[in-house]
Each structure stands twice: as C-alpha cells, then as structure tokens.
PDB file of N, CA and C in Angstrom:
ATOM      1  N   UNK A   1      19.073   6.617 -42.837  1.00  0.00           N
ATOM      2  CA  UNK A   1      18.212   7.462 -42.845  1.00  0.00           C
ATOM      3  C   UNK A   1      16.833   6.714 -42.528  1.00  0.00           C
ATOM      4  N   UNK A   2      16.756   5.462 -43.019  1.00  0.00           N
ATOM      5  CA  UNK A   2      15.557   4.623 -42.929  1.00  0.00           C
ATOM      6  C   UNK A   2      15.452   3.828 -41.547  1.00  0.00           C
ATOM      7  N   UNK A   3      16.863   3.668 -40.952  1.00  0.00           N
ATOM      8  CA  UNK A   3      17.108   3.215 -39.543  1.00  0.00           C
ATOM      9  C   UNK A   3      16.414   4.227 -38.782  1.00  0.00           C
ATOM     10  N   UNK A   4      16.443   5.534 -38.850  1.00  0.00           N
ATOM     11  CA  UNK A   4      16.378   6.887 -37.791  1.00  0.00           C
ATOM     12  C   UNK A   4      15.069   6.648 -37.787  1.00  0.00           C
ATOM     13  N   UNK A   5      14.405   6.748 -38.989  1.00  0.00           N
ATOM     14  CA  UNK A   5      13.098   7.224 -39.265  1.00  0.00           C
ATOM     15  C   UNK A   5      12.207   5.839 -38.286  1.00  0.00           C
ATOM     16  N   UNK A   6      12.801   4.767 -38.761  1.00  0.00           N
ATOM     17  CA  UNK A   6      11.702   3.368 -38.446  1.00  0.00           C
ATOM     18  C   UNK A   6      12.210   3.315 -36.886  1.00  0.00           C
ATOM     19  N   UNK A   7      13.329   3.831 -36.501  1.00  0.00           N
ATOM     20  CA  UNK A   7      13.480   3.609 -35.026  1.00  0.00           C
ATOM     21  C   UNK A   7      12.485   4.799 -34.271  1.00  0.00           C
ATOM     22  N   UNK A   8      12.220   5.698 -35.016  1.00  0.00           N
ATOM     23  CA  UNK A   8      11.285   7.121 -34.612  1.00  0.00           C
ATOM     24  C   UNK A   8      10.235   6.738 -34.656  1.00  0.00           C
ATOM     25  N   UNK A   9       9.389   5.705 -35.498  1.00  0.00           N
ATOM     26  CA  UNK A   9       8.157   5.190 -35.556  1.00  0.00           C
ATOM     27  C   UNK A   9       7.760   4.002 -34.657  1.00  0.00           C
ATOM     28  N   UNK A  10       8.782   3.406 -34.363  1.00  0.00           N
ATOM     29  CA  UNK A  10       8.629   2.464 -33.233  1.00  0.00           C
ATOM     30  C   UNK A  10       7.789   3.172 -31.862  1.00  0.00           C
ATOM     31  N   UNK A  11       9.200   4.479 -31.727  1.00  0.00           N
ATOM     32  CA  UNK A  11       9.045   5.278 -30.230  1.00  0.00           C
ATOM     33  C   UNK A  11       7.769   5.852 -29.945  1.00  0.00           C
ATOM     34  N   UNK A  12       6.780   5.925 -31.385  1.00  0.00           N
ATOM     35  CA  UNK A  12       5.763   6.991 -31.367  1.00  0.00           C
ATOM     36  C   UNK A  12       4.659   6.521 -30.257  1.00  0.00           C
ATOM     37  N   UNK A  13       4.632   5.128 -29.890  1.00  0.00           N
ATOM     38  CA  UNK A  13       3.779   4.717 -29.169  1.00  0.00           C
ATOM     39  C   UNK A  13       4.256   4.461 -27.341  1.00  0.00           C
ATOM     40  N   UNK A  14       5.358   4.769 -27.480  1.00  0.00           N
ATOM     41  CA  UNK A  14       5.681   4.848 -25.995  1.00  0.00           C
ATOM     42  C   UNK A  14       5.897   6.405 -25.653  1.00  0.00           C
ATOM     43  N   UNK A  15       5.629   6.469 -24.403  1.00  0.00           N
ATOM     44  CA  UNK A  15       6.001   7.669 -23.555  1.00  0.00           C
ATOM     45  C   UNK A  15       7.532   7.946 -23.253  1.00  0.00           C
ATOM     46  N   UNK A  16       7.829   9.191 -22.978  1.00  0.00           N
ATOM     47  CA  UNK A  16       9.190   9.797 -22.924  1.00  0.00           C
ATOM     48  C   UNK A  16       9.370   9.237 -21.683  1.00  0.00           C
ATOM     49  N   UNK A  17      10.832   9.580 -20.834  1.00  0.00           N
ATOM     50  CA  UNK A  17      10.459   9.472 -19.519  1.00  0.00           C
ATOM     51  C   UNK A  17       9.983  10.642 -19.082  1.00  0.00           C
ATOM     52  N   UNK A  18      10.200  11.624 -19.134  1.00  0.00           N
ATOM     53  CA  UNK A  18       9.878  12.858 -18.328  1.00  0.00           C
ATOM     54  C   UNK A  18       7.645  12.873 -18.464  1.00  0.00           C
ATOM     55  N   UNK A  19       7.298  12.241 -19.691  1.00  0.00           N
ATOM     56  CA  UNK A  19       6.313  11.868 -18.923  1.00  0.00           C
ATOM     57  C   UNK A  19       5.883  10.807 -18.260  1.00  0.00           C
ATOM     58  N   UNK A  20       6.594   9.834 -18.007  1.00  0.00           N
ATOM     59  CA  UNK A  20       6.490   8.737 -17.069  1.00  0.00           C
ATOM     60  C   UNK A  20       7.002   9.366 -15.897  1.00  0.00           C
ATOM     61  N   UNK A  21       7.506  10.508 -15.524  1.00  0.00           N
ATOM     62  CA  UNK A  21       8.021  10.582 -14.421  1.00  0.00           C
ATOM     63  C   UNK A  21       6.589  11.686 -13.740  1.00  0.00           C
ATOM     64  N   UNK A  22       6.322  12.444 -14.257  1.00  0.00           N
ATOM     65  CA  UNK A  22       5.413  13.440 -14.567  1.00  0.00           C
ATOM     66  C   UNK A  22       3.914  12.464 -13.842  1.00  0.00           C
ATOM     67  N   UNK A  23       3.915  11.500 -14.714  1.00  0.00           N
ATOM     68  CA  UNK A  23       2.889  10.275 -13.963  1.00  0.00           C
ATOM     69  C   UNK A  23       2.799  10.227 -13.040  1.00  0.00           C
ATOM     70  N   UNK A  24       3.907   9.223 -12.742  1.00  0.00           N
ATOM     71  CA  UNK A  24       4.702   8.861 -11.784  1.00  0.00           C
ATOM     72  C   UNK A  24       4.513   9.755 -10.111  1.00  0.00           C
ATOM     73  N   UNK A  25       4.960  10.859 -10.518  1.00  0.00           N
ATOM     74  CA  UNK A  25       4.858  12.302  -9.202  1.00  0.00           C
ATOM     75  C   UNK A  25       3.384  12.033  -8.985  1.00  0.00           C
ATOM     76  N   UNK A  26       2.131  12.195 -10.077  1.00  0.00           N
ATOM     77  CA  UNK A  26       0.785  12.695  -9.897  1.00  0.00           C
ATOM     78  C   UNK A  26       0.380  11.512  -9.292  1.00  0.00           C
ATOM     79  N   UNK A  27       0.851   9.919  -9.579  1.00  0.00           N
ATOM     80  CA  UNK A  27       0.136   9.139  -9.113  1.00  0.00           C
ATOM     81  C   UNK A  27       0.291   9.168  -7.597  1.00  0.00           C
ATOM     82  N   UNK A  28       1.532   9.659  -7.195  1.00  0.00           N
ATOM     83  CA  UNK A  28       2.076   9.253  -5.776  1.00  0.00           C
ATOM     84  C   UNK A  28       0.978  10.935  -4.734  1.00  0.00           C
ATOM     85  N   UNK A  29       0.973  12.076  -5.451  1.00  0.00           N
ATOM     86  CA  UNK A  29       0.660  12.734  -4.612  1.00  0.00           C
ATOM     87  C   UNK A  29      -1.084  12.728  -4.646  1.00  0.00           C
ATOM     88  N   UNK A  30      -1.580  11.975  -5.781  1.00  0.00           N
ATOM     89  CA  UNK A  30      -2.950  11.518  -5.572  1.00  0.00           C
ATOM     90  C   UNK A  30      -3.264  10.326  -4.626  1.00  0.00           C
ATOM     91  N   UNK A  31      -2.038   9.491  -4.631  1.00  0.00           N
ATOM     92  CA  UNK A  31      -2.379   8.649  -3.432  1.00  0.00           C
ATOM     93  C   UNK A  31      -2.060   9.156  -2.027  1.00  0.00           C
ATOM     94  N   UNK A  32      -0.999  10.149  -1.832  1.00  0.00           N
ATOM     95  CA  UNK A  32      -0.971  11.063  -0.579  1.00  0.00           C
ATOM     96  C   UNK A  32      -1.837  11.478  -0.289  1.00  0.00           C
ATOM     97  N   UNK A  33      -2.711  12.275  -0.878  1.00  0.00           N
ATOM     98  CA  UNK A  33      -3.416  13.648  -0.345  1.00  0.00           C
ATOM     99  C   UNK A  33      -4.586  12.378   0.478  1.00  0.00           C
ATOM    100  N   UNK A  34      -5.654  11.458  -0.297  1.00  0.00           N
ATOM    101  CA  UNK A  34      -6.563  10.868   0.705  1.00  0.00           C
ATOM    102  C   UNK A  34      -5.899  10.035   1.727  1.00  0.00           C
ATOM    103  N   UNK A  35      -4.897   9.519   1.574  1.00  0.00           N
ATOM    104  CA  UNK A  35      -4.366   8.961   2.593  1.00  0.00           C
ATOM    105  C   UNK A  35      -3.812   9.745   3.970  1.00  0.00           C
ATOM    106  N   UNK A  36      -3.606  11.145   3.837  1.00  0.00           N
ATOM    107  CA  UNK A  36      -3.088  12.154   4.611  1.00  0.00           C
ATOM    108  C   UNK A  36      -4.677  12.636   4.993  1.00  0.00           C
ATOM    109  N   UNK A  37      -5.932  12.670   4.236  1.00  0.00           N
ATOM    110  CA  UNK A  37      -6.945  13.149   5.079  1.00  0.00           C
ATOM    111  C   UNK A  37      -7.614  12.281   6.158  1.00  0.00           C
ATOM    112  N   UNK A  38      -7.422  10.838   5.335  1.00  0.00           N
ATOM    113  CA  UNK A  38      -8.199   9.586   6.248  1.00  0.00           C
ATOM    114  C   UNK A  38      -7.257   9.811   7.305  1.00  0.00           C
ATOM    115  N   UNK A  39      -5.868   9.449   7.483  1.00  0.00           N
ATOM    116  CA  UNK A  39      -5.045   9.205   8.590  1.00  0.00           C
ATOM    117  C   UNK A  39      -5.099  10.677   9.357  1.00  0.00           C
ATOM    118  N   UNK A  40      -5.638  11.846   9.176  1.00  0.00           N
ATOM    119  CA  UNK A  40      -5.238  12.778  10.387  1.00  0.00           C
ATOM    120  C   UNK A  40      -6.550  13.149  10.338  1.00  0.00           C
ATOM    121  N   UNK A  41      -7.833  12.910  10.065  1.00  0.00           N
ATOM    122  CA  UNK A  41      -9.049  13.151  10.312  1.00  0.00           C
ATOM    123  C   UNK A  41      -9.162  14.385   9.942  1.00  0.00           C
ATOM    124  N   UNK A  42      -8.253  14.764   8.347  1.00  0.00           N
ATOM    125  CA  UNK A  42      -8.770  16.528   8.015  1.00  0.00           C
ATOM    126  C   UNK A  42     -10.341  16.465   7.555  1.00  0.00           C
ATOM    127  N   UNK A  43     -10.915  15.976   6.970  1.00  0.00           N
ATOM    128  CA  UNK A  43     -12.454  15.718   6.726  1.00  0.00           C
ATOM    129  C   UNK A  43     -13.067  14.793   7.236  1.00  0.00           C
ATOM    130  N   UNK A  44     -14.240  15.225   7.230  1.00  0.00           N
ATOM    131  CA  UNK A  44     -15.133  13.701   7.866  1.00  0.00           C
ATOM    132  C   UNK A  44     -16.650  13.715   6.903  1.00  0.00           C
ATOM    133  N   UNK A  45     -17.183  12.742   6.877  1.00  0.00           N
ATOM    134  CA  UNK A  45     -18.261  12.793   6.066  1.00  0.00           C
ATOM    135  C   UNK A  45     -18.287  13.069   4.686  1.00  0.00           C
ATOM    136  N   UNK A  46     -19.300  13.602   4.226  1.00  0.00           N
ATOM    137  CA  UNK A  46     -19.641  14.099   2.837  1.00  0.00           C
ATOM    138  C   UNK A  46     -18.328  14.529   1.998  1.00  0.00           C
ATOM    139  N   UNK A  47     -17.601  15.587   2.654  1.00  0.00           N
ATOM    140  CA  UNK A  47     -16.352  15.941   1.945  1.00  0.00           C
ATOM    141  C   UNK A  47     -15.495  15.139   2.202  1.00  0.00           C
ATOM    142  N   UNK A  48     -14.871  14.541   2.848  1.00  0.00           N
ATOM    143  CA  UNK A  48     -13.846  13.300   3.096  1.00  0.00           C
ATOM    144  C   UNK A  48     -14.133  12.414   1.595  1.00  0.00           C
ATOM    145  N   UNK A  49     -15.456  11.784   1.653  1.00  0.00           N
ATOM    146  CA  UNK A  49     -16.219  10.865   0.295  1.00  0.00           C
ATOM    147  C   UNK A  49     -15.809  11.776  -0.939  1.00  0.00           C
ATOM    148  N   UNK A  50     -16.293  13.144  -1.281  1.00  0.00           N
ATOM    149  CA  UNK A  50     -16.002  13.655  -2.318  1.00  0.00           C
ATOM    150  C   UNK A  50     -14.498  13.347  -2.863  1.00  0.00           C
ATOM    151  N   UNK A  51     -13.402  14.480  -1.734  1.00  0.00           N
ATOM    152  CA  UNK A  51     -12.291  14.258  -1.885  1.00  0.00           C
ATOM    153  C   UNK A  51     -11.577  13.007  -2.521  1.00  0.00           C
ATOM    154  N   UNK A  52     -12.112  11.956  -1.384  1.00  0.00           N
ATOM    155  CA  UNK A  52     -11.640  10.502  -2.149  1.00  0.00           C
ATOM    156  C   UNK A  52     -11.916   9.783  -3.434  1.00  0.00           C
ATOM    157  N   UNK A  53     -13.035  10.187  -3.586  1.00  0.00           N
ATOM    158  CA  UNK A  53     -13.867   9.815  -5.054  1.00  0.00           C
ATOM    159  C   UNK A  53     -13.005  10.777  -6.209  1.00  0.00           C
ATOM    160  N   UNK A  54     -13.186  12.077  -5.711  1.00  0.00           N
ATOM    161  CA  UNK A  54     -12.295  13.145  -6.912  1.00  0.00           C
ATOM    162  C   UNK A  54     -10.653  12.635  -6.740  1.00  0.00           C
ATOM    163  N   UNK A  55      -9.935  12.268  -5.878  1.00  0.00           N
ATOM    164  CA  UNK A  55      -8.840  11.783  -6.059  1.00  0.00           C
ATOM    165  C   UNK A  55      -8.441  10.238  -7.039  1.00  0.00           C
ATOM    166  N   UNK A  56      -9.598   9.484  -6.257  1.00  0.00           N
ATOM    167  CA  UNK A  56      -9.318   8.370  -7.134  1.00  0.00           C
ATOM    168  C   UNK A  56      -9.340   8.674  -8.566  1.00  0.00           C
ATOM    169  N   UNK A  57     -10.730   9.223  -9.010  1.00  0.00           N
ATOM    170  CA  UNK A  57     -11.207   9.659 -10.459  1.00  0.00           C
ATOM    171  C   UNK A  57     -10.135  10.290 -11.323  1.00  0.00           C
ATOM    172  N   UNK A  58      -9.331  11.163 -10.906  1.00  0.00           N
ATOM    173  CA  UNK A  58      -8.187  11.721 -11.150  1.00  0.00           C
ATOM    174  C   UNK A  58      -6.674  10.793 -11.238  1.00  0.00           C
ATOM    175  N   UNK A  59      -6.817   9.841 -10.304  1.00  0.00           N
ATOM    176  CA  UNK A  59      -5.507   8.492 -10.269  1.00  0.00           C
ATOM    177  C   UNK A  59      -5.928   8.006 -11.415  1.00  0.00           C
ATOM    178  N   UNK A  60      -7.332   7.508 -11.736  1.00  0.00           N
ATOM    179  CA  UNK A  60      -7.893   6.511 -12.969  1.00  0.00           C
ATOM    180  C   UNK A  60      -7.576   7.356 -14.248  1.00  0.00           C
ATOM    181  N   UNK A  61      -7.710   8.632 -14.568  1.00  0.00           N
ATOM    182  CA  UNK A  61      -7.355   9.509 -15.613  1.00  0.00           C
ATOM    183  C   UNK A  61      -5.420  10.063 -16.000  1.00  0.00           C
ATOM    184  N   UNK A  62      -5.141   9.447 -14.813  1.00  0.00           N
ATOM    185  CA  UNK A  62      -3.673  10.030 -14.487  1.00  0.00           C
ATOM    186  C   UNK A  62      -2.876   8.482 -15.318  1.00  0.00           C
ATOM    187  N   UNK A  63      -3.611   7.102 -14.540  1.00  0.00           N
ATOM    188  CA  UNK A  63      -3.284   6.237 -15.185  1.00  0.00           C
ATOM    189  C   UNK A  63      -3.249   5.963 -16.696  1.00  0.00           C
ATOM    190  N   UNK A  64      -4.536   6.262 -17.119  1.00  0.00           N
ATOM    191  CA  UNK A  64      -5.142   6.065 -18.725  1.00  0.00           C
ATOM    192  C   UNK A  64      -4.329   6.840 -19.262  1.00  0.00           C
ATOM    193  N   UNK A  65      -3.751   7.912 -19.134  1.00  0.00           N
ATOM    194  CA  UNK A  65      -3.563   8.769 -19.903  1.00  0.00           C
ATOM    195  C   UNK A  65      -1.985   8.751 -19.885  1.00  0.00           C
ATOM    196  N   UNK A  66      -1.008   8.519 -18.854  1.00  0.00           N
ATOM    197  CA  UNK A  66       0.449   8.668 -18.793  1.00  0.00           C
ATOM    198  C   UNK A  66       1.108   7.383 -19.055  1.00  0.00           C
ATOM    199  N   UNK A  67      -0.004   5.925 -18.678  1.00  0.00           N
ATOM    200  CA  UNK A  67       0.559   4.457 -18.495  1.00  0.00           C
ATOM    201  C   UNK A  67       0.276   3.909 -19.538  1.00  0.00           C
ATOM    202  N   UNK A  68      -1.082   4.036 -19.847  1.00  0.00           N
ATOM    203  CA  UNK A  68      -1.627   3.194 -21.002  1.00  0.00           C
ATOM    204  C   UNK A  68      -2.123   3.729 -22.116  1.00  0.00           C
ATOM    205  N   UNK A  69      -1.061   5.303 -22.640  1.00  0.00           N
ATOM    206  CA  UNK A  69      -1.088   5.893 -23.852  1.00  0.00           C
ATOM    207  C   UNK A  69      -2.655   5.579 -24.526  1.00  0.00           C
ATOM    208  N   UNK A  70      -3.794   5.963 -23.860  1.00  0.00           N
ATOM    209  CA  UNK A  70      -4.686   6.160 -24.515  1.00  0.00           C
ATOM    210  C   UNK A  70      -5.041   7.524 -25.428  1.00  0.00           C
ATOM    211  N   UNK A  71      -4.352   8.561 -25.444  1.00  0.00           N
ATOM    212  CA  UNK A  71      -4.289   9.197 -26.202  1.00  0.00           C
ATOM    213  C   UNK A  71      -3.409   9.343 -27.295  1.00  0.00           C
ATOM    214  N   UNK A  72      -2.516   8.500 -27.372  1.00  0.00           N
ATOM    215  CA  UNK A  72      -1.289   8.459 -28.620  1.00  0.00           C
ATOM    216  C   UNK A  72      -1.836   7.165 -29.433  1.00  0.00           C
ATOM    217  N   UNK A  73      -3.205   6.096 -28.882  1.00  0.00           N
ATOM    218  CA  UNK A  73      -3.629   5.337 -29.746  1.00  0.00           C
ATOM    219  C   UNK A  73      -4.442   5.967 -31.370  1.00  0.00           C
ATOM    220  N   UNK A  74      -3.897   4.910 -32.015  1.00  0.00           N
ATOM    221  CA  UNK A  74      -4.336   5.457 -33.233  1.00  0.00           C
ATOM    222  C   UNK A  74      -5.819   4.255 -33.960  1.00  0.00           C
ATOM    223  N   UNK A  75      -6.262   4.924 -34.553  1.00  0.00           N
ATOM    224  CA  UNK A  75      -7.866   4.111 -35.225  1.00  0.00           C
ATOM    225  C   UNK A  75      -7.251   2.543 -35.680  1.00  0.00           C
ATOM    226  N   UNK A  76      -7.958   1.717 -35.358  1.00  0.00           N
ATOM    227  CA  UNK A  76      -9.163   1.744 -34.574  1.00  0.00           C
ATOM    228  C   UNK A  76      -8.640   1.423 -33.117  1.00  0.00           C
ATOM    229  N   UNK A  77      -9.487   2.191 -32.315  1.00  0.00           N
ATOM    230  CA  UNK A  77      -8.985   2.306 -31.056  1.00  0.00           C
ATOM    231  C   UNK A  77      -9.476   1.164 -30.155  1.00  0.00           C
ATOM    232  N   UNK A  78      -8.858   0.076 -30.260  1.00  0.00           N
ATOM    233  CA  UNK A  78      -9.361  -0.847 -29.593  1.00  0.00           C
ATOM    234  C   UNK A  78      -8.967  -1.013 -27.968  1.00  0.00           C
ATOM    235  N   UNK A  79      -7.989  -0.133 -27.649  1.00  0.00           N
ATOM    236  CA  UNK A  79      -8.029  -0.416 -26.065  1.00  0.00           C
ATOM    237  C   UNK A  79      -8.920   0.781 -25.430  1.00  0.00           C
ATOM    238  N   UNK A  80      -9.447   1.730 -26.305  1.00  0.00           N
ATOM    239  CA  UNK A  80     -10.494   2.662 -25.341  1.00  0.00           C
ATOM    240  C   UNK A  80     -11.806   1.888 -25.613  1.00  0.00           C
ATOM    241  N   UNK A  81     -11.938   1.302 -26.756  1.00  0.00           N
ATOM    242  CA  UNK A  81     -13.289   0.117 -26.785  1.00  0.00           C
ATOM    243  C   UNK A  81     -13.351  -0.802 -25.605  1.00  0.00           C
ATOM    244  N   UNK A  82     -12.095  -1.525 -25.424  1.00  0.00           N
ATOM    245  CA  UNK A  82     -12.192  -2.248 -24.429  1.00  0.00           C
ATOM    246  C   UNK A  82     -12.237  -1.675 -22.846  1.00  0.00           C
ATOM    247  N   UNK A  83     -11.753  -0.524 -22.768  1.00  0.00           N
ATOM    248  CA  UNK A  83     -11.987   0.259 -21.574  1.00  0.00           C
ATOM    249  C   UNK A  83     -13.595   0.363 -21.379  1.00  0.00           C
ATOM    250  N   UNK A  84     -13.499   0.958 -22.422  1.00  0.00           N
ATOM    251  CA  UNK A  84     -15.573   1.322 -22.097  1.00  0.00           C
ATOM    252  C   UNK A  84     -16.460   0.145 -22.373  1.00  0.00           C
ATOM    253  N   UNK A  85     -16.138  -0.989 -22.612  1.00  0.00           N
ATOM    254  CA  UNK A  85     -16.644  -1.943 -22.684  1.00  0.00           C
ATOM    255  C   UNK A  85     -16.855  -2.583 -20.997  1.00  0.00           C
ATOM    256  N   UNK A  86     -15.258  -2.526 -20.423  1.00  0.00           N
ATOM    257  CA  UNK A  86     -14.835  -3.232 -19.414  1.00  0.00           C
ATOM    258  C   UNK A  86     -15.663  -1.920 -18.357  1.00  0.00           C
ATOM    259  N   UNK A  87     -15.996  -0.735 -18.185  1.00  0.00           N
ATOM    260  CA  UNK A  87     -16.539   0.120 -17.904  1.00  0.00           C
ATOM    261  C   UNK A  87     -18.121  -0.151 -17.547  1.00  0.00           C
ATOM    262  N   UNK A  88     -18.626  -0.230 -19.042  1.00  0.00           N
ATOM    263  CA  UNK A  88     -20.114  -1.076 -19.044  1.00  0.00           C
ATOM    264  C   UNK A  88     -20.380  -1.823 -17.974  1.00  0.00           C
ATOM    265  N   UNK A  89     -19.539  -2.907 -18.481  1.00  0.00           N
ATOM    266  CA  UNK A  89     -19.770  -4.250 -17.182  1.00  0.00           C
ATOM    267  C   UNK A  89     -19.634  -4.043 -16.015  1.00  0.00           C
ATOM    268  N   UNK A  90     -18.582  -2.903 -15.309  1.00  0.00           N
ATOM    269  CA  UNK A  90     -18.804  -2.540 -14.186  1.00  0.00           C
ATOM    270  C   UNK A  90     -19.542  -1.957 -13.490  1.00  0.00           C
ATOM    271  N   UNK A  91     -20.506  -0.969 -14.349  1.00  0.00           N
ATOM    272  CA  UNK A  91     -21.354  -0.189 -13.567  1.00  0.00           C
ATOM    273  C   UNK A  91     -22.712  -1.195 -13.839  1.00  0.00           C
ATOM    274  N   UNK A  92     -22.795  -2.352 -14.456  1.00  0.00           N
ATOM    275  CA  UNK A  92     -23.940  -3.077 -14.886  1.00  0.00           C
ATOM    276  C   UNK A  92     -23.724  -4.102 -13.249  1.00  0.00           C
ATOM    277  N   UNK A  93     -22.732  -4.316 -13.080  1.00  0.00           N
ATOM    278  CA  UNK A  93     -22.529  -5.733 -11.831  1.00  0.00           C
ATOM    279  C   UNK A  93     -22.860  -4.353 -10.502  1.00  0.00           C
ATOM    280  N   UNK A  94     -22.052  -3.201 -10.463  1.00  0.00           N
ATOM    281  CA  UNK A  94     -21.825  -2.405  -9.345  1.00  0.00           C
ATOM    282  C   UNK A  94     -23.759  -1.905  -9.051  1.00  0.00           C
ATOM    283  N   UNK A  95     -24.220  -1.756 -10.102  1.00  0.00           N
ATOM    284  CA  UNK A  95     -25.264  -0.944 -10.020  1.00  0.00           C
ATOM    285  C   UNK A  95     -26.559  -2.491  -9.621  1.00  0.00           C
ATOM    286  N   UNK A  96     -26.389  -3.322 -10.273  1.00  0.00           N
ATOM    287  CA  UNK A  96     -27.292  -4.460 -10.063  1.00  0.00           C
ATOM    288  C   UNK A  96     -27.360  -5.068  -8.773  1.00  0.00           C
ATOM    289  N   UNK A  97     -25.849  -5.015  -8.237  1.00  0.00           N
ATOM    290  CA  UNK A  97     -25.737  -5.415  -7.011  1.00  0.00           C
ATOM    291  C   UNK A  97     -26.268  -4.351  -6.038  1.00  0.00           C
ATOM    292  N   UNK A  98     -25.973  -3.371  -6.212  1.00  0.00           N
ATOM    293  CA  UNK A  98     -26.596  -2.112  -5.117  1.00  0.00           C
ATOM    294  C   UNK A  98     -27.965  -2.164  -5.387  1.00  0.00           C
ATOM    295  N   UNK A  99     -28.596  -2.488  -6.550  1.00  0.00           N
ATOM    296  CA  UNK A  99     -30.131  -2.693  -6.818  1.00  0.00           C
ATOM    297  C   UNK A  99     -30.625  -4.090  -6.025  1.00  0.00           C
ATOM    298  N   UNK A 100     -29.782  -4.941  -6.049  1.00  0.00           N
ATOM    299  CA  UNK A 100     -30.175  -5.964  -5.382  1.00  0.00           C
ATOM    300  C   UNK A 100     -30.267  -5.895  -3.819  1.00  0.00           C
ATOM    301  N   UNK A 101     -29.395  -5.428  -3.172  1.00  0.00           N
ATOM    302  CA  UNK A 101     -29.226  -4.857  -1.867  1.00  0.00           C
ATOM    303  C   UNK A 101     -30.080  -4.182  -1.449  1.00  0.00           C
ATOM    304  N   UNK A 102     -30.288  -3.367  -1.791  1.00  0.00           N
ATOM    305  CA  UNK A 102     -31.141  -1.960  -1.658  1.00  0.00           C
ATOM    306  C   UNK A 102     -32.898  -2.786  -1.880  1.00  0.00           C
ATOM    307  N   UNK A 103     -32.813  -3.287  -2.684  1.00  0.00           N
ATOM    308  CA  UNK A 103     -34.779  -3.551  -2.539  1.00  0.00           C
ATOM    309  C   UNK A 103     -34.862  -5.380  -2.027  1.00  0.00           C
ATOM    310  N   UNK A 104     -33.745  -6.095  -2.030  1.00  0.00           N
ATOM    311  CA  UNK A 104     -34.193  -7.490  -1.096  1.00  0.00           C
ATOM    312  C   UNK A 104     -33.443  -7.447   0.213  1.00  0.00           C
ATOM    313  N   UNK A 105     -33.316  -6.309   0.963  1.00  0.00           N
ATOM    314  CA  UNK A 105     -32.589  -6.345   2.178  1.00  0.00           C
ATOM    315  C   UNK A 105     -33.236  -6.576   3.043  1.00  0.00           C
ATOM    316  N   UNK A 106     -32.739  -7.114   4.232  1.00  0.00           N
ATOM    317  CA  UNK A 106     -33.684  -7.411   5.270  1.00  0.00           C
ATOM    318  C   UNK A 106     -34.453  -6.283   5.714  1.00  0.00           C
ATOM    319  N   UNK A 107     -36.018  -6.960   5.928  1.00  0.00           N
ATOM    320  CA  UNK A 107     -36.744  -5.939   6.692  1.00  0.00           C
ATOM    321  C   UNK A 107     -37.535  -5.143   5.340  1.00  0.00           C
ATOM    322  N   UNK A 108     -37.431  -5.565   3.980  1.00  0.00           N
ATOM    323  CA  UNK A 108     -37.831  -5.532   3.136  1.00  0.00           C
ATOM    324  C   UNK A 108     -39.116  -6.583   2.319  1.00  0.00           C
ATOM    325  N   UNK A 109     -40.337  -6.711   2.956  1.00  0.00           N
ATOM    326  CA  UNK A 109     -40.783  -8.076   2.470  1.00  0.00           C
ATOM    327  C   UNK A 109     -41.890  -7.988   1.530  1.00  0.00           C
TER     328      UNK A 109
END
C-alpha cells in the first residue's frame, strides 16, 4: 500500500501520455498554421503579423502548460518566478534595443 502511494505521489509532477500527446498535436498544428500562411501567401501585412504573433503566443502557452507543467507546480512556484523574471529581462532587452534603434538611428541628429 505504501509503495502504491509513494509511486502515485511521484507521478503527480509528470504529465500523462494523453497530456503529452495533446500538447504535441497542438504544437504541430500551431507550427503548421503560420507555415502554410507564409508559404502560400494566404495573408499579407497586418493580418499575417497578427496570425503569426497569435499562433506564437499560443505555442508559448501550450509549451508552458503541457511540457513545463506550470499549472501543476506546488508552492513556492520557483519555475513560474524564474519564467516571469526571464520575461522581464527579455522585455527590457528588446524594449531597450528598440528604443536605441528608434532614437539613435541614422538621420536622427
């Protein structure tokens, strides 16, 4: 009985085969959609950008939920805190780079 409970408690942090399969299929679909749009010129301009960013954001969420198990994490949520800290650094670097390129570009004296 104790072995069964210990084994069950150990598996709580891991996804089931069905969860991994659903995550994998969603990842494939969210990769194929923008690929088909770009390769077949189905959308142009702003519409294409919106779909590409939207599918990228959904892909990010699928990866976090199905493969990084953020929803199953116990307290304290170190993975979530690390992710948020990484996102703050990413936004700071990208935002700072865009700011520098925008206001220190050629022709702006």
